[in-house]
Amino acid sequence: MKNYNSSQQNFVSIVSVFACKRGLVVGMEKFENHETSEIQVVQDLITAMDLQGVVFSFD
């Protein structure tokens, strides 16, 4: 971690799409908080997967 005391730290995070009934991760994307937002990554994953008739739960 660089600049531990800085309020502008850069982290790498993972957003995943998990199918509960199948018990599988069906989509995953990493992002850096300085480059994009989690919201944009989620929107891009949903669009790319082109799913219909499903319910998303975000945590």
N, C-alpha and C. Protein backbone atom coordinates (compact mmCIF):
# COMPACT_ATOMS: atom_id res chain seq x y z
N MET A 1 0.85 -1.16 0.00
CA MET A 1 0.00 0.00 0.00
C MET A 1 0.90 1.23 0.00
N LYS A 2 0.61 2.18 -0.86
CA LYS A 2 1.37 3.42 -0.93
C LYS A 2 0.65 4.51 -0.15
N ASN A 3 1.42 5.39 0.43
CA ASN A 3 0.85 6.55 1.15
C ASN A 3 -0.22 6.11 2.14
N TYR A 4 0.17 5.28 3.07
CA TYR A 4 -0.77 4.68 4.02
C TYR A 4 -1.68 5.71 4.69
N ASN A 5 -1.17 6.87 5.02
CA ASN A 5 -1.96 7.88 5.73
C ASN A 5 -2.76 8.79 4.81
N SER A 6 -2.64 8.62 3.51
CA SER A 6 -3.33 9.47 2.54
C SER A 6 -4.81 9.09 2.44
N SER A 7 -5.65 10.09 2.28
CA SER A 7 -7.08 9.83 2.09
C SER A 7 -7.38 9.42 0.65
N GLN A 8 -6.38 9.50 -0.21
CA GLN A 8 -6.56 9.18 -1.63
C GLN A 8 -5.88 7.86 -2.00
N GLN A 9 -5.95 6.88 -1.16
CA GLN A 9 -5.33 5.60 -1.45
C GLN A 9 -6.04 4.93 -2.63
N ASN A 10 -5.28 4.15 -3.38
CA ASN A 10 -5.83 3.45 -4.53
C ASN A 10 -5.91 1.95 -4.20
N PHE A 11 -7.10 1.38 -4.32
CA PHE A 11 -7.31 -0.04 -4.03
C PHE A 11 -7.81 -0.76 -5.27
N VAL A 12 -7.45 -2.01 -5.40
CA VAL A 12 -7.99 -2.87 -6.44
C VAL A 12 -9.10 -3.68 -5.80
N SER A 13 -10.28 -3.65 -6.40
CA SER A 13 -11.44 -4.38 -5.89
C SER A 13 -11.97 -5.30 -6.97
N ILE A 14 -12.80 -6.24 -6.55
CA ILE A 14 -13.42 -7.20 -7.47
C ILE A 14 -14.94 -7.11 -7.32
N VAL A 15 -15.62 -7.07 -8.45
CA VAL A 15 -17.08 -7.18 -8.49
C VAL A 15 -17.37 -8.51 -9.16
N SER A 16 -18.21 -9.32 -8.52
CA SER A 16 -18.54 -10.62 -9.11
C SER A 16 -20.05 -10.80 -9.18
N VAL A 17 -20.48 -11.59 -10.16
CA VAL A 17 -21.88 -11.96 -10.31
C VAL A 17 -21.95 -13.44 -9.94
N PHE A 18 -22.73 -13.75 -8.91
CA PHE A 18 -22.81 -15.10 -8.37
C PHE A 18 -24.21 -15.66 -8.59
N ALA A 19 -24.31 -16.82 -9.19
CA ALA A 19 -25.59 -17.50 -9.39
C ALA A 19 -25.85 -18.41 -8.19
N CYS A 20 -26.80 -18.03 -7.35
CA CYS A 20 -27.06 -18.77 -6.10
C CYS A 20 -27.46 -20.21 -6.34
N LYS A 21 -28.41 -20.44 -7.24
CA LYS A 21 -28.90 -21.80 -7.46
C LYS A 21 -27.83 -22.72 -8.02
N ARG A 22 -26.96 -22.17 -8.84
CA ARG A 22 -25.88 -22.98 -9.42
C ARG A 22 -24.64 -23.00 -8.54
N GLY A 23 -24.51 -22.02 -7.66
CA GLY A 23 -23.34 -21.93 -6.80
C GLY A 23 -22.08 -21.57 -7.55
N LEU A 24 -22.23 -20.76 -8.60
CA LEU A 24 -21.10 -20.41 -9.45
C LEU A 24 -20.97 -18.90 -9.62
N VAL A 25 -19.74 -18.45 -9.75
CA VAL A 25 -19.50 -17.07 -10.17
C VAL A 25 -19.58 -17.08 -11.69
N VAL A 26 -20.49 -16.29 -12.24
CA VAL A 26 -20.71 -16.29 -13.69
C VAL A 26 -20.15 -15.05 -14.37
N GLY A 27 -19.64 -14.14 -13.60
CA GLY A 27 -19.01 -12.95 -14.15
C GLY A 27 -18.17 -12.26 -13.08
N MET A 28 -17.05 -11.69 -13.51
CA MET A 28 -16.18 -11.04 -12.54
C MET A 28 -15.37 -9.95 -13.26
N GLU A 29 -15.14 -8.86 -12.56
CA GLU A 29 -14.35 -7.76 -13.12
C GLU A 29 -13.60 -7.07 -11.99
N LYS A 30 -12.34 -6.75 -12.22
CA LYS A 30 -11.58 -6.00 -11.22
C LYS A 30 -11.55 -4.53 -11.64
N PHE A 31 -11.34 -3.67 -10.66
CA PHE A 31 -11.22 -2.25 -10.96
C PHE A 31 -10.41 -1.56 -9.88
N GLU A 32 -9.83 -0.44 -10.23
CA GLU A 32 -9.11 0.40 -9.27
C GLU A 32 -9.98 1.60 -8.97
N ASN A 33 -10.11 1.93 -7.69
CA ASN A 33 -11.03 2.99 -7.31
C ASN A 33 -10.64 4.36 -7.86
N HIS A 34 -9.40 4.56 -8.25
CA HIS A 34 -9.00 5.84 -8.84
C HIS A 34 -9.35 5.92 -10.32
N GLU A 35 -9.64 4.78 -10.95
CA GLU A 35 -9.90 4.76 -12.39
C GLU A 35 -11.38 4.72 -12.73
N THR A 36 -12.18 4.04 -11.93
CA THR A 36 -13.61 3.91 -12.21
C THR A 36 -14.34 3.66 -10.90
N SER A 37 -15.66 3.60 -10.98
CA SER A 37 -16.46 3.37 -9.78
C SER A 37 -17.06 1.96 -9.83
N GLU A 38 -17.40 1.45 -8.66
CA GLU A 38 -18.03 0.14 -8.56
C GLU A 38 -19.37 0.13 -9.31
N ILE A 39 -20.08 1.23 -9.25
CA ILE A 39 -21.38 1.32 -9.93
C ILE A 39 -21.21 1.12 -11.43
N GLN A 40 -20.22 1.76 -12.02
CA GLN A 40 -20.00 1.62 -13.47
C GLN A 40 -19.60 0.20 -13.83
N VAL A 41 -18.79 -0.43 -13.02
CA VAL A 41 -18.36 -1.81 -13.27
C VAL A 41 -19.56 -2.75 -13.22
N VAL A 42 -20.45 -2.56 -12.24
CA VAL A 42 -21.65 -3.39 -12.12
C VAL A 42 -22.54 -3.19 -13.35
N GLN A 43 -22.75 -1.95 -13.76
CA GLN A 43 -23.58 -1.68 -14.93
C GLN A 43 -22.99 -2.34 -16.18
N ASP A 44 -21.68 -2.27 -16.34
CA ASP A 44 -21.02 -2.89 -17.49
C ASP A 44 -21.16 -4.41 -17.48
N LEU A 45 -21.02 -5.02 -16.30
CA LEU A 45 -21.17 -6.48 -16.19
C LEU A 45 -22.59 -6.91 -16.54
N ILE A 46 -23.58 -6.22 -16.02
CA ILE A 46 -24.97 -6.56 -16.30
C ILE A 46 -25.26 -6.44 -17.79
N THR A 47 -24.78 -5.38 -18.40
CA THR A 47 -24.99 -5.17 -19.84
C THR A 47 -24.30 -6.27 -20.64
N ALA A 48 -23.07 -6.59 -20.31
CA ALA A 48 -22.31 -7.59 -21.05
C ALA A 48 -22.91 -8.98 -20.94
N MET A 49 -23.51 -9.29 -19.80
CA MET A 49 -24.09 -10.62 -19.59
C MET A 49 -25.43 -10.78 -20.28
N ASP A 50 -26.09 -9.68 -20.60
CA ASP A 50 -27.37 -9.69 -21.33
C ASP A 50 -28.36 -10.68 -20.72
N LEU A 51 -28.55 -10.58 -19.41
CA LEU A 51 -29.46 -11.46 -18.70
C LEU A 51 -30.86 -10.87 -18.63
N GLN A 52 -31.85 -11.73 -18.70
CA GLN A 52 -33.24 -11.30 -18.58
C GLN A 52 -33.95 -12.23 -17.61
N GLY A 53 -34.91 -11.70 -16.89
CA GLY A 53 -35.70 -12.51 -15.96
C GLY A 53 -34.93 -12.95 -14.73
N VAL A 54 -33.97 -12.14 -14.31
CA VAL A 54 -33.18 -12.46 -13.12
C VAL A 54 -33.29 -11.33 -12.11
N VAL A 55 -32.99 -11.64 -10.88
CA VAL A 55 -33.00 -10.65 -9.80
C VAL A 55 -31.57 -10.44 -9.33
N PHE A 56 -31.17 -9.18 -9.21
CA PHE A 56 -29.85 -8.85 -8.70
C PHE A 56 -29.97 -8.35 -7.28
N SER A 57 -29.04 -8.79 -6.44
CA SER A 57 -28.94 -8.33 -5.07
C SER A 57 -27.51 -7.82 -4.88
N PHE A 58 -27.39 -6.59 -4.39
CA PHE A 58 -26.06 -5.98 -4.26
C PHE A 58 -25.67 -5.86 -2.80
N ASP A 59 -24.42 -6.21 -2.53
CA ASP A 59 -23.93 -6.15 -1.16
C ASP A 59 -22.62 -5.39 -1.14
